């Protein structure tokens, strides 16, 4: 799975991660109108989404750091 994430360009990876962090609370809020979700379920869904978002952002940062290190 990490190989697939590492194959995505860094700008796309960072943008997807940032969008997940910013938009996931709204999606969970609107999803709670369609499906009755308890607070525990919302927290579990949010933590899984945040985990993947942080993973994407850290991958983008690692790519950028290694690219900047190669120029020096």
PDB file of N, CA and C in Angstrom:
ATOM      1  N   UNK A   1       0.821  -1.185   0.000  1.00  0.00           N
ATOM      2  CA  UNK A   1       0.000   0.000   0.000  1.00  0.00           C
ATOM      3  C   UNK A   1       0.869   1.255   0.000  1.00  0.00           C
ATOM      4  N   UNK A   2       1.965   1.217   0.732  1.00  0.00           N
ATOM      5  CA  UNK A   2       2.843   2.381   0.755  1.00  0.00           C
ATOM      6  C   UNK A   2       3.495   2.629  -0.601  1.00  0.00           C
ATOM      7  N   UNK A   3       3.723   1.559  -1.364  1.00  0.00           N
ATOM      8  CA  UNK A   3       4.295   1.739  -2.699  1.00  0.00           C
ATOM      9  C   UNK A   3       3.339   2.496  -3.609  1.00  0.00           C
ATOM     10  N   UNK A   4       2.043   2.217  -3.475  1.00  0.00           N
ATOM     11  CA  UNK A   4       1.052   2.934  -4.281  1.00  0.00           C
ATOM     12  C   UNK A   4       0.960   4.394  -3.869  1.00  0.00           C
ATOM     13  N   UNK A   5       1.061   4.657  -2.579  1.00  0.00           N
ATOM     14  CA  UNK A   5       1.017   6.041  -2.109  1.00  0.00           C
ATOM     15  C   UNK A   5       2.269   6.786  -2.552  1.00  0.00           C
ATOM     16  N   UNK A   6       3.404   6.130  -2.505  1.00  0.00           N
ATOM     17  CA  UNK A   6       4.651   6.780  -2.902  1.00  0.00           C
ATOM     18  C   UNK A   6       4.738   7.036  -4.401  1.00  0.00           C
ATOM     19  N   UNK A   7       3.938   6.330  -5.200  1.00  0.00           N
ATOM     20  CA  UNK A   7       3.977   6.548  -6.646  1.00  0.00           C
ATOM     21  C   UNK A   7       3.177   7.780  -7.071  1.00  0.00           C
ATOM     22  N   UNK A   8       2.336   8.316  -6.193  1.00  0.00           N
ATOM     23  CA  UNK A   8       1.545   9.509  -6.507  1.00  0.00           C
ATOM     24  C   UNK A   8       2.447  10.739  -6.360  1.00  0.00           C
ATOM     25  N   UNK A   9       2.329  11.718  -7.261  1.00  0.00           N
ATOM     26  CA  UNK A   9       3.158  12.937  -7.133  1.00  0.00           C
ATOM     27  C   UNK A   9       2.897  13.669  -5.814  1.00  0.00           C
ATOM     28  N   UNK A  10       3.915  14.398  -5.355  1.00  0.00           N
ATOM     29  CA  UNK A  10       3.844  14.993  -4.025  1.00  0.00           C
ATOM     30  C   UNK A  10       2.777  16.080  -3.899  1.00  0.00           C
ATOM     31  N   UNK A  11       2.557  16.867  -4.932  1.00  0.00           N
ATOM     32  CA  UNK A  11       1.549  17.921  -4.840  1.00  0.00           C
ATOM     33  C   UNK A  11       0.142  17.333  -4.750  1.00  0.00           C
ATOM     34  N   UNK A  12      -0.090  16.269  -5.499  1.00  0.00           N
ATOM     35  CA  UNK A  12      -1.400  15.611  -5.456  1.00  0.00           C
ATOM     36  C   UNK A  12      -1.609  14.953  -4.102  1.00  0.00           C
ATOM     37  N   UNK A  13      -0.583  14.321  -3.588  1.00  0.00           N
ATOM     38  CA  UNK A  13      -0.669  13.659  -2.293  1.00  0.00           C
ATOM     39  C   UNK A  13      -0.957  14.668  -1.187  1.00  0.00           C
ATOM     40  N   UNK A  14      -0.253  15.786  -1.195  1.00  0.00           N
ATOM     41  CA  UNK A  14      -0.470  16.812  -0.181  1.00  0.00           C
ATOM     42  C   UNK A  14      -1.872  17.406  -0.286  1.00  0.00           C
ATOM     43  N   UNK A  15      -2.330  17.657  -1.515  1.00  0.00           N
ATOM     44  CA  UNK A  15      -3.655  18.238  -1.719  1.00  0.00           C
ATOM     45  C   UNK A  15      -4.754  17.299  -1.247  1.00  0.00           C
ATOM     46  N   UNK A  16      -4.626  16.023  -1.539  1.00  0.00           N
ATOM     47  CA  UNK A  16      -5.622  15.049  -1.100  1.00  0.00           C
ATOM     48  C   UNK A  16      -5.633  14.956   0.423  1.00  0.00           C
ATOM     49  N   UNK A  17      -4.466  14.915   1.036  1.00  0.00           N
ATOM     50  CA  UNK A  17      -4.389  14.849   2.493  1.00  0.00           C
ATOM     51  C   UNK A  17      -4.992  16.070   3.161  1.00  0.00           C
ATOM     52  N   UNK A  18      -4.689  17.235   2.639  1.00  0.00           N
ATOM     53  CA  UNK A  18      -5.233  18.468   3.203  1.00  0.00           C
ATOM     54  C   UNK A  18      -6.742  18.540   3.008  1.00  0.00           C
ATOM     55  N   UNK A  19      -7.216  18.116   1.846  1.00  0.00           N
ATOM     56  CA  UNK A  19      -8.659  18.115   1.594  1.00  0.00           C
ATOM     57  C   UNK A  19      -9.378  17.136   2.522  1.00  0.00           C
ATOM     58  N   UNK A  20      -8.767  16.004   2.787  1.00  0.00           N
ATOM     59  CA  UNK A  20      -9.382  15.060   3.722  1.00  0.00           C
ATOM     60  C   UNK A  20      -9.510  15.652   5.117  1.00  0.00           C
ATOM     61  N   UNK A  21      -8.475  16.345   5.557  1.00  0.00           N
ATOM     62  CA  UNK A  21      -8.513  16.943   6.892  1.00  0.00           C
ATOM     63  C   UNK A  21      -9.552  18.060   6.964  1.00  0.00           C
ATOM     64  N   UNK A  22      -9.651  18.864   5.916  1.00  0.00           N
ATOM     65  CA  UNK A  22     -10.568  19.995   5.952  1.00  0.00           C
ATOM     66  C   UNK A  22     -12.016  19.618   5.676  1.00  0.00           C
ATOM     67  N   UNK A  23     -12.252  18.630   4.828  1.00  0.00           N
ATOM     68  CA  UNK A  23     -13.614  18.315   4.398  1.00  0.00           C
ATOM     69  C   UNK A  23     -14.252  17.134   5.116  1.00  0.00           C
ATOM     70  N   UNK A  24     -13.485  16.324   5.785  1.00  0.00           N
ATOM     71  CA  UNK A  24     -14.078  15.142   6.423  1.00  0.00           C
ATOM     72  C   UNK A  24     -15.066  15.485   7.538  1.00  0.00           C
ATOM     73  N   UNK A  25     -14.857  16.531   8.351  1.00  0.00           N
ATOM     74  CA  UNK A  25     -15.887  16.845   9.357  1.00  0.00           C
ATOM     75  C   UNK A  25     -17.236  17.202   8.729  1.00  0.00           C
ATOM     76  N   UNK A  26     -17.206  17.930   7.607  1.00  0.00           N
ATOM     77  CA  UNK A  26     -18.455  18.270   6.930  1.00  0.00           C
ATOM     78  C   UNK A  26     -19.137  17.029   6.364  1.00  0.00           C
ATOM     79  N   UNK A  27     -18.352  16.143   5.784  1.00  0.00           N
ATOM     80  CA  UNK A  27     -18.925  14.910   5.234  1.00  0.00           C
ATOM     81  C   UNK A  27     -19.535  14.045   6.333  1.00  0.00           C
ATOM     82  N   UNK A  28     -18.864  13.933   7.450  1.00  0.00           N
ATOM     83  CA  UNK A  28     -19.396  13.143   8.564  1.00  0.00           C
ATOM     84  C   UNK A  28     -20.650  13.800   9.126  1.00  0.00           C
ATOM     85  N   UNK A  29     -20.654  15.124   9.197  1.00  0.00           N
ATOM     86  CA  UNK A  29     -21.829  15.836   9.691  1.00  0.00           C
ATOM     87  C   UNK A  29     -23.036  15.604   8.788  1.00  0.00           C
ATOM     88  N   UNK A  30     -22.848  15.732   7.478  1.00  0.00           N
ATOM     89  CA  UNK A  30     -23.956  15.529   6.558  1.00  0.00           C
ATOM     90  C   UNK A  30     -24.350  14.056   6.449  1.00  0.00           C
ATOM     91  N   UNK A  31     -23.402  13.178   6.643  1.00  0.00           N
ATOM     92  CA  UNK A  31     -23.704  11.752   6.628  1.00  0.00           C
ATOM     93  C   UNK A  31     -24.556  11.361   7.832  1.00  0.00           C
ATOM     94  N   UNK A  32     -24.413  12.098   8.927  1.00  0.00           N
ATOM     95  CA  UNK A  32     -25.200  11.780  10.111  1.00  0.00           C
ATOM     96  C   UNK A  32     -26.680  12.106   9.909  1.00  0.00           C
ATOM     97  N   UNK A  33     -26.998  12.954   8.938  1.00  0.00           N
ATOM     98  CA  UNK A  33     -28.403  13.199   8.624  1.00  0.00           C
ATOM     99  C   UNK A  33     -29.015  12.026   7.873  1.00  0.00           C
ATOM    100  N   UNK A  34     -28.225  11.377   7.029  1.00  0.00           N
ATOM    101  CA  UNK A  34     -28.733  10.246   6.245  1.00  0.00           C
ATOM    102  C   UNK A  34     -28.797   8.967   7.067  1.00  0.00           C
ATOM    103  N   UNK A  35     -27.754   8.735   7.867  1.00  0.00           N
ATOM    104  CA  UNK A  35     -27.668   7.535   8.681  1.00  0.00           C
ATOM    105  C   UNK A  35     -27.520   7.944  10.141  1.00  0.00           C
ATOM    106  N   UNK A  36     -28.259   7.321  11.041  1.00  0.00           N
ATOM    107  CA  UNK A  36     -28.083   7.663  12.458  1.00  0.00           C
ATOM    108  C   UNK A  36     -26.750   7.116  12.975  1.00  0.00           C
ATOM    109  N   UNK A  37     -25.812   8.013  13.209  1.00  0.00           N
ATOM    110  CA  UNK A  37     -24.479   7.635  13.686  1.00  0.00           C
ATOM    111  C   UNK A  37     -24.298   8.095  15.121  1.00  0.00           C
ATOM    112  N   UNK A  38     -23.774   7.235  15.943  1.00  0.00           N
ATOM    113  CA  UNK A  38     -23.448   7.615  17.309  1.00  0.00           C
ATOM    114  C   UNK A  38     -22.133   8.366  17.348  1.00  0.00           C
ATOM    115  N   UNK A  39     -21.846   8.951  18.489  1.00  0.00           N
ATOM    116  CA  UNK A  39     -20.602   9.717  18.634  1.00  0.00           C
ATOM    117  C   UNK A  39     -19.369   8.829  18.503  1.00  0.00           C
ATOM    118  N   UNK A  40     -19.452   7.616  19.011  1.00  0.00           N
ATOM    119  CA  UNK A  40     -18.317   6.699  18.898  1.00  0.00           C
ATOM    120  C   UNK A  40     -18.030   6.328  17.452  1.00  0.00           C
ATOM    121  N   UNK A  41     -19.083   6.108  16.679  1.00  0.00           N
ATOM    122  CA  UNK A  41     -18.911   5.780  15.263  1.00  0.00           C
ATOM    123  C   UNK A  41     -18.305   6.951  14.503  1.00  0.00           C
ATOM    124  N   UNK A  42     -18.752   8.153  14.806  1.00  0.00           N
ATOM    125  CA  UNK A  42     -18.189   9.340  14.153  1.00  0.00           C
ATOM    126  C   UNK A  42     -16.707   9.496  14.488  1.00  0.00           C
ATOM    127  N   UNK A  43     -16.355   9.215  15.734  1.00  0.00           N
ATOM    128  CA  UNK A  43     -14.951   9.332  16.138  1.00  0.00           C
ATOM    129  C   UNK A  43     -14.085   8.288  15.449  1.00  0.00           C
ATOM    130  N   UNK A  44     -14.594   7.079  15.306  1.00  0.00           N
ATOM    131  CA  UNK A  44     -13.828   6.024  14.636  1.00  0.00           C
ATOM    132  C   UNK A  44     -13.638   6.365  13.168  1.00  0.00           C
ATOM    133  N   UNK A  45     -14.701   6.790  12.489  1.00  0.00           N
ATOM    134  CA  UNK A  45     -14.591   7.162  11.069  1.00  0.00           C
ATOM    135  C   UNK A  45     -13.625   8.328  10.915  1.00  0.00           C
ATOM    136  N   UNK A  46     -13.752   9.326  11.779  1.00  0.00           N
ATOM    137  CA  UNK A  46     -12.864  10.488  11.705  1.00  0.00           C
ATOM    138  C   UNK A  46     -11.411  10.133  11.948  1.00  0.00           C
ATOM    139  N   UNK A  47     -11.156   9.246  12.895  1.00  0.00           N
ATOM    140  CA  UNK A  47      -9.765   8.879  13.177  1.00  0.00           C
ATOM    141  C   UNK A  47      -9.149   8.087  12.031  1.00  0.00           C
ATOM    142  N   UNK A  48      -9.918   7.237  11.384  1.00  0.00           N
ATOM    143  CA  UNK A  48      -9.397   6.493  10.224  1.00  0.00           C
ATOM    144  C   UNK A  48      -9.095   7.454   9.074  1.00  0.00           C
ATOM    145  N   UNK A  49      -9.994   8.404   8.833  1.00  0.00           N
ATOM    146  CA  UNK A  49      -9.772   9.382   7.761  1.00  0.00           C
ATOM    147  C   UNK A  49      -8.557  10.251   8.071  1.00  0.00           C
ATOM    148  N   UNK A  50      -8.436  10.705   9.318  1.00  0.00           N
ATOM    149  CA  UNK A  50      -7.286  11.522   9.692  1.00  0.00           C
ATOM    150  C   UNK A  50      -5.982  10.740   9.606  1.00  0.00           C
ATOM    151  N   UNK A  51      -6.024   9.457   9.925  1.00  0.00           N
ATOM    152  CA  UNK A  51      -4.825   8.630   9.820  1.00  0.00           C
ATOM    153  C   UNK A  51      -4.327   8.599   8.374  1.00  0.00           C
ATOM    154  N   UNK A  52      -5.242   8.341   7.435  1.00  0.00           N
ATOM    155  CA  UNK A  52      -4.839   8.304   6.029  1.00  0.00           C
ATOM    156  C   UNK A  52      -4.417   9.679   5.525  1.00  0.00           C
ATOM    157  N   UNK A  53      -5.061  10.737   6.011  1.00  0.00           N
ATOM    158  CA  UNK A  53      -4.684  12.085   5.599  1.00  0.00           C
ATOM    159  C   UNK A  53      -3.272  12.427   6.070  1.00  0.00           C
ATOM    160  N   UNK A  54      -2.967  12.097   7.306  1.00  0.00           N
ATOM    161  CA  UNK A  54      -1.627  12.358   7.834  1.00  0.00           C
ATOM    162  C   UNK A  54      -0.598  11.504   7.103  1.00  0.00           C
ATOM    163  N   UNK A  55      -0.962  10.277   6.780  1.00  0.00           N
ATOM    164  CA  UNK A  55      -0.063   9.412   6.023  1.00  0.00           C
ATOM    165  C   UNK A  55       0.257  10.017   4.656  1.00  0.00           C
ATOM    166  N   UNK A  56      -0.742  10.564   3.987  1.00  0.00           N
ATOM    167  CA  UNK A  56      -0.520  11.200   2.687  1.00  0.00           C
ATOM    168  C   UNK A  56       0.338  12.451   2.815  1.00  0.00           C
ATOM    169  N   UNK A  57       0.079  13.261   3.819  1.00  0.00           N
ATOM    170  CA  UNK A  57       0.856  14.496   3.993  1.00  0.00           C
ATOM    171  C   UNK A  57       2.305  14.182   4.354  1.00  0.00           C
ATOM    172  N   UNK A  58       2.521  13.190   5.203  1.00  0.00           N
ATOM    173  CA  UNK A  58       3.893  12.813   5.549  1.00  0.00           C
ATOM    174  C   UNK A  58       4.630  12.228   4.355  1.00  0.00           C
ATOM    175  N   UNK A  59       3.929  11.503   3.512  1.00  0.00           N
ATOM    176  CA  UNK A  59       4.542  10.972   2.302  1.00  0.00           C
ATOM    177  C   UNK A  59       4.971  12.107   1.376  1.00  0.00           C
ATOM    178  N   UNK A  60       4.112  13.118   1.229  1.00  0.00           N
ATOM    179  CA  UNK A  60       4.460  14.271   0.395  1.00  0.00           C
ATOM    180  C   UNK A  60       5.649  15.026   0.979  1.00  0.00           C
ATOM    181  N   UNK A  61       5.677  15.168   2.292  1.00  0.00           N
ATOM    182  CA  UNK A  61       6.794  15.866   2.930  1.00  0.00           C
ATOM    183  C   UNK A  61       8.093  15.089   2.761  1.00  0.00           C
ATOM    184  N   UNK A  62       8.016  13.777   2.840  1.00  0.00           N
ATOM    185  CA  UNK A  62       9.212  12.951   2.657  1.00  0.00           C
ATOM    186  C   UNK A  62       9.739  13.060   1.232  1.00  0.00           C
ATOM    187  N   UNK A  63       8.834  13.053   0.270  1.00  0.00           N
ATOM    188  CA  UNK A  63       9.261  13.213  -1.128  1.00  0.00           C
ATOM    189  C   UNK A  63       9.921  14.564  -1.344  1.00  0.00           C
ATOM    190  N   UNK A  64       9.320  15.604  -0.794  1.00  0.00           N
ATOM    191  CA  UNK A  64       9.886  16.940  -0.961  1.00  0.00           C
ATOM    192  C   UNK A  64      11.234  17.055  -0.264  1.00  0.00           C
ATOM    193  N   UNK A  65      11.339  16.478   0.920  1.00  0.00           N
ATOM    194  CA  UNK A  65      12.590  16.537   1.660  1.00  0.00           C
ATOM    195  C   UNK A  65      13.698  15.796   0.912  1.00  0.00           C
ATOM    196  N   UNK A  66      13.379  14.636   0.371  1.00  0.00           N
ATOM    197  CA  UNK A  66      14.402  13.886  -0.362  1.00  0.00           C
ATOM    198  C   UNK A  66      14.763  14.580  -1.671  1.00  0.00           C
ATOM    199  N   UNK A  67      13.786  15.247  -2.296  1.00  0.00           N
ATOM    200  CA  UNK A  67      14.069  15.968  -3.543  1.00  0.00           C
ATOM    201  C   UNK A  67      14.933  17.181  -3.255  1.00  0.00           C
ATOM    202  N   UNK A  68      14.667  17.893  -2.181  1.00  0.00           N
ATOM    203  CA  UNK A  68      15.471  19.072  -1.829  1.00  0.00           C
ATOM    204  C   UNK A  68      16.867  18.650  -1.394  1.00  0.00           C
ATOM    205  N   UNK A  69      16.992  17.499  -0.776  1.00  0.00           N
ATOM    206  CA  UNK A  69      18.302  17.004  -0.355  1.00  0.00           C
ATOM    207  C   UNK A  69      19.176  16.634  -1.534  1.00  0.00           C
ATOM    208  N   UNK A  70      18.562  16.217  -2.642  1.00  0.00           N
ATOM    209  CA  UNK A  70      19.333  15.838  -3.818  1.00  0.00           C
ATOM    210  C   UNK A  70      19.901  17.049  -4.548  1.00  0.00           C
ATOM    211  N   UNK A  71      19.288  18.226  -4.404  1.00  0.00           N
ATOM    212  CA  UNK A  71      19.767  19.422  -5.094  1.00  0.00           C
ATOM    213  C   UNK A  71      21.013  20.000  -4.442  1.00  0.00           C
ATOM    214  N   UNK A  72      21.203  19.766  -3.166  1.00  0.00           N
ATOM    215  CA  UNK A  72      22.347  20.365  -2.471  1.00  0.00           C
ATOM    216  C   UNK A  72      23.587  19.621  -2.711  1.00  0.00           C
TER     217      UNK A  72
END
